PDB file of N, CA and C in Angstrom:
ATOM      1  N   MET A   1     144.262 148.227  73.128  1.00  0.00           N
ATOM      2  CA  MET A   1     143.335 149.252  72.700  1.00  0.00           C
ATOM      3  C   MET A   1     144.036 150.296  71.842  1.00  0.00           C
ATOM      4  N   MET A   2     145.265 150.603  72.122  1.00  0.00           N
ATOM      5  CA  MET A   2     145.966 151.640  71.371  1.00  0.00           C
ATOM      6  C   MET A   2     146.143 151.232  69.914  1.00  0.00           C
ATOM      7  N   ALA A   3     146.346 149.949  69.663  1.00  0.00           N
ATOM      8  CA  ALA A   3     146.565 149.516  68.284  1.00  0.00           C
ATOM      9  C   ALA A   3     145.369 149.877  67.411  1.00  0.00           C
ATOM     10  N   THR A   4     144.176 149.709  67.923  1.00  0.00           N
ATOM     11  CA  THR A   4     142.985 150.025  67.139  1.00  0.00           C
ATOM     12  C   THR A   4     142.924 151.506  66.823  1.00  0.00           C
ATOM     13  N   VAL A   5     143.251 152.344  67.787  1.00  0.00           N
ATOM     14  CA  VAL A   5     143.237 153.790  67.562  1.00  0.00           C
ATOM     15  C   VAL A   5     144.275 154.174  66.517  1.00  0.00           C
ATOM     16  N   LEU A   6     145.453 153.616  66.603  1.00  0.00           N
ATOM     17  CA  LEU A   6     146.510 153.952  65.645  1.00  0.00           C
ATOM     18  C   LEU A   6     146.191 153.458  64.244  1.00  0.00           C
ATOM     19  N   ARG A   7     145.450 152.387  64.125  1.00  0.00           N
ATOM     20  CA  ARG A   7     145.104 151.855  62.807  1.00  0.00           C
ATOM     21  C   ARG A   7     144.116 152.758  62.082  1.00  0.00           C
ATOM     22  N   ILE A   8     143.432 153.636  62.786  1.00  0.00           N
ATOM     23  CA  ILE A   8     142.415 154.495  62.191  1.00  0.00           C
ATOM     24  C   ILE A   8     143.029 155.610  61.353  1.00  0.00           C
ATOM     25  N   ASP A   9     144.130 156.202  61.823  1.00  0.00           N
ATOM     26  CA  ASP A   9     144.678 157.394  61.194  1.00  0.00           C
ATOM     27  C   ASP A   9     146.063 157.111  60.607  1.00  0.00           C
ATOM     28  N   ASP A  10     146.137 156.976  59.290  1.00  0.00           N
ATOM     29  CA  ASP A  10     147.409 156.680  58.630  1.00  0.00           C
ATOM     30  C   ASP A  10     148.438 157.792  58.807  1.00  0.00           C
ATOM     31  N   GLU A  11     147.992 159.020  58.989  1.00  0.00           N
ATOM     32  CA  GLU A  11     148.939 160.125  59.146  1.00  0.00           C
ATOM     33  C   GLU A  11     149.755 159.997  60.426  1.00  0.00           C
ATOM     34  N   LEU A  12     149.185 159.387  61.447  1.00  0.00           N
ATOM     35  CA  LEU A  12     149.934 159.180  62.684  1.00  0.00           C
ATOM     36  C   LEU A  12     151.119 158.253  62.460  1.00  0.00           C
ATOM     37  N   LEU A  13     151.006 157.391  61.483  1.00  0.00           N
ATOM     38  CA  LEU A  13     152.025 156.369  61.276  1.00  0.00           C
ATOM     39  C   LEU A  13     153.210 156.864  60.457  1.00  0.00           C
ATOM     40  N   LEU A  14     153.296 158.168  60.250  1.00  0.00           N
ATOM     41  CA  LEU A  14     154.467 158.711  59.583  1.00  0.00           C
ATOM     42  C   LEU A  14     155.699 158.569  60.473  1.00  0.00           C
ATOM     43  N   ASP A  15     155.488 158.504  61.758  1.00  0.00           N
ATOM     44  CA  ASP A  15     156.584 158.346  62.712  1.00  0.00           C
ATOM     45  C   ASP A  15     156.999 156.871  62.740  1.00  0.00           C
ATOM     46  N   PRO A  16     158.245 156.564  62.417  1.00  0.00           N
ATOM     47  CA  PRO A  16     158.688 155.159  62.397  1.00  0.00           C
ATOM     48  C   PRO A  16     158.557 154.466  63.752  1.00  0.00           C
ATOM     49  N   ARG A  17     158.640 155.237  64.836  1.00  0.00           N
ATOM     50  CA  ARG A  17     158.485 154.616  66.162  1.00  0.00           C
ATOM     51  C   ARG A  17     157.057 154.130  66.358  1.00  0.00           C
ATOM     52  N   LEU A  18     156.080 154.907  65.867  1.00  0.00           N
ATOM     53  CA  LEU A  18     154.684 154.471  65.971  1.00  0.00           C
ATOM     54  C   LEU A  18     154.413 153.291  65.043  1.00  0.00           C
ATOM     55  N   GLN A  19     155.046 153.283  63.894  1.00  0.00           N
ATOM     56  CA  GLN A  19     154.892 152.146  62.983  1.00  0.00           C
ATOM     57  C   GLN A  19     155.393 150.867  63.651  1.00  0.00           C
ATOM     58  N   ALA A  20     156.550 150.954  64.287  1.00  0.00           N
ATOM     59  CA  ALA A  20     157.121 149.784  64.969  1.00  0.00           C
ATOM     60  C   ALA A  20     156.234 149.346  66.127  1.00  0.00           C
ATOM     61  N   TYR A  21     155.709 150.306  66.884  1.00  0.00           N
ATOM     62  CA  TYR A  21     154.830 149.979  68.005  1.00  0.00           C
ATOM     63  C   TYR A  21     153.566 149.284  67.512  1.00  0.00           C
ATOM     64  N   LEU A  22     152.974 149.826  66.455  1.00  0.00           N
ATOM     65  CA  LEU A  22     151.757 149.226  65.922  1.00  0.00           C
ATOM     66  C   LEU A  22     152.025 147.817  65.414  1.00  0.00           C
ATOM     67  N   LYS A  23     153.148 147.609  64.764  1.00  0.00           N
ATOM     68  CA  LYS A  23     153.487 146.269  64.283  1.00  0.00           C
ATOM     69  C   LYS A  23     153.615 145.293  65.451  1.00  0.00           C
ATOM     70  N   ARG A  24     154.282 145.732  66.525  1.00  0.00           N
ATOM     71  CA  ARG A  24     154.409 144.849  67.695  1.00  0.00           C
ATOM     72  C   ARG A  24     153.042 144.511  68.275  1.00  0.00           C
ATOM     73  N   CYS A  25     152.174 145.512  68.323  1.00  0.00           N
ATOM     74  CA  CYS A  25     150.830 145.289  68.874  1.00  0.00           C
ATOM     75  C   CYS A  25     150.023 144.332  68.009  1.00  0.00           C
ATOM     76  N   THR A  26     150.016 144.574  66.710  1.00  0.00           N
ATOM     77  CA  THR A  26     149.172 143.771  65.817  1.00  0.00           C
ATOM     78  C   THR A  26     149.754 142.390  65.537  1.00  0.00           C
ATOM     79  N   ASP A  27     151.023 142.194  65.837  1.00  0.00           N
ATOM     80  CA  ASP A  27     151.626 140.867  65.675  1.00  0.00           C
ATOM     81  C   ASP A  27     151.339 139.940  66.857  1.00  0.00           C
ATOM     82  N   ARG A  28     150.814 140.485  67.931  1.00  0.00           N
ATOM     83  CA  ARG A  28     150.536 139.669  69.114  1.00  0.00           C
ATOM     84  C   ARG A  28     149.391 138.696  68.846  1.00  0.00           C
ATOM     85  N   PRO A  29     149.513 137.453  69.288  1.00  0.00           N
ATOM     86  CA  PRO A  29     148.436 136.481  69.091  1.00  0.00           C
ATOM     87  C   PRO A  29     147.098 136.947  69.678  1.00  0.00           C
ATOM     88  N   ALA A  30     147.132 137.619  70.808  1.00  0.00           N
ATOM     89  CA  ALA A  30     145.875 138.084  71.426  1.00  0.00           C
ATOM     90  C   ALA A  30     145.177 139.105  70.530  1.00  0.00           C
ATOM     91  N   PHE A  31     145.940 139.990  69.904  1.00  0.00           N
ATOM     92  CA  PHE A  31     145.338 140.970  69.000  1.00  0.00           C
ATOM     93  C   PHE A  31     144.713 140.260  67.807  1.00  0.00           C
ATOM     94  N   LYS A  32     145.424 139.301  67.253  1.00  0.00           N
ATOM     95  CA  LYS A  32     144.913 138.566  66.078  1.00  0.00           C
ATOM     96  C   LYS A  32     143.624 137.825  66.430  1.00  0.00           C
ATOM     97  N   ARG A  33     143.562 137.221  67.612  1.00  0.00           N
ATOM     98  CA  ARG A  33     142.338 136.523  68.027  1.00  0.00           C
ATOM     99  C   ARG A  33     141.183 137.502  68.205  1.00  0.00           C
ATOM    100  N   ALA A  34     141.457 138.623  68.851  1.00  0.00           N
ATOM    101  CA  ALA A  34     140.405 139.616  69.095  1.00  0.00           C
ATOM    102  C   ALA A  34     139.887 140.185  67.783  1.00  0.00           C
ATOM    103  N   LEU A  35     140.787 140.485  66.855  1.00  0.00           N
ATOM    104  CA  LEU A  35     140.370 141.027  65.561  1.00  0.00           C
ATOM    105  C   LEU A  35     139.557 139.992  64.785  1.00  0.00           C
ATOM    106  N   ALA A  36     139.987 138.753  64.799  1.00  0.00           N
ATOM    107  CA  ALA A  36     139.249 137.695  64.103  1.00  0.00           C
ATOM    108  C   ALA A  36     137.847 137.535  64.686  1.00  0.00           C
ATOM    109  N   ALA A  37     137.726 137.602  65.994  1.00  0.00           N
ATOM    110  CA  ALA A  37     136.414 137.481  66.636  1.00  0.00           C
ATOM    111  C   ALA A  37     135.519 138.655  66.264  1.00  0.00           C
ATOM    112  N   GLN A  38     136.095 139.853  66.242  1.00  0.00           N
ATOM    113  CA  GLN A  38     135.306 141.031  65.880  1.00  0.00           C
ATOM    114  C   GLN A  38     134.843 140.936  64.427  1.00  0.00           C
ATOM    115  N   MET A  39     135.722 140.537  63.543  1.00  0.00           N
ATOM    116  CA  MET A  39     135.369 140.452  62.126  1.00  0.00           C
ATOM    117  C   MET A  39     134.334 139.341  61.895  1.00  0.00           C
ATOM    118  N   ALA A  40     134.397 138.280  62.672  1.00  0.00           N
ATOM    119  CA  ALA A  40     133.416 137.201  62.549  1.00  0.00           C
ATOM    120  C   ALA A  40     132.015 137.721  62.862  1.00  0.00           C
ATOM    121  N   ASP A  41     131.916 138.588  63.865  1.00  0.00           N
ATOM    122  CA  ASP A  41     130.616 139.186  64.195  1.00  0.00           C
ATOM    123  C   ASP A  41     130.076 139.992  63.032  1.00  0.00           C
ATOM    124  N   PHE A  42     130.950 140.760  62.388  1.00  0.00           N
ATOM    125  CA  PHE A  42     130.530 141.567  61.243  1.00  0.00           C
ATOM    126  C   PHE A  42     130.095 140.678  60.073  1.00  0.00           C
ATOM    127  N   ARG A  43     130.850 139.604  59.845  1.00  0.00           N
ATOM    128  CA  ARG A  43     130.503 138.685  58.742  1.00  0.00           C
ATOM    129  C   ARG A  43     129.155 138.022  58.994  1.00  0.00           C
ATOM    130  N   GLN A  44     128.872 137.672  60.244  1.00  0.00           N
ATOM    131  CA  GLN A  44     127.592 137.038  60.575  1.00  0.00           C
ATOM    132  C   GLN A  44     126.449 138.010  60.349  1.00  0.00           C
ATOM    133  N   ALA A  45     126.663 139.262  60.658  1.00  0.00           N
ATOM    134  CA  ALA A  45     125.595 140.255  60.551  1.00  0.00           C
ATOM    135  C   ALA A  45     125.337 140.666  59.088  1.00  0.00           C
ATOM    136  N   ALA A  46     126.297 140.414  58.231  1.00  0.00           N
ATOM    137  CA  ALA A  46     126.146 140.844  56.820  1.00  0.00           C
ATOM    138  C   ALA A  46     125.198 139.971  56.048  1.00  0.00           C
TER     139      ALA A  46
END
């Protein structure tokens, strides 16, 4: 859940530690699957 919040505000990512944390979060296979599923819902609704 934190990865989604951090992706919203680019100013938060000025801290290299947060950048590294976000990269670790978004590189996880579970995150990629969840994001793909969410985007598929949006594509279907469009």
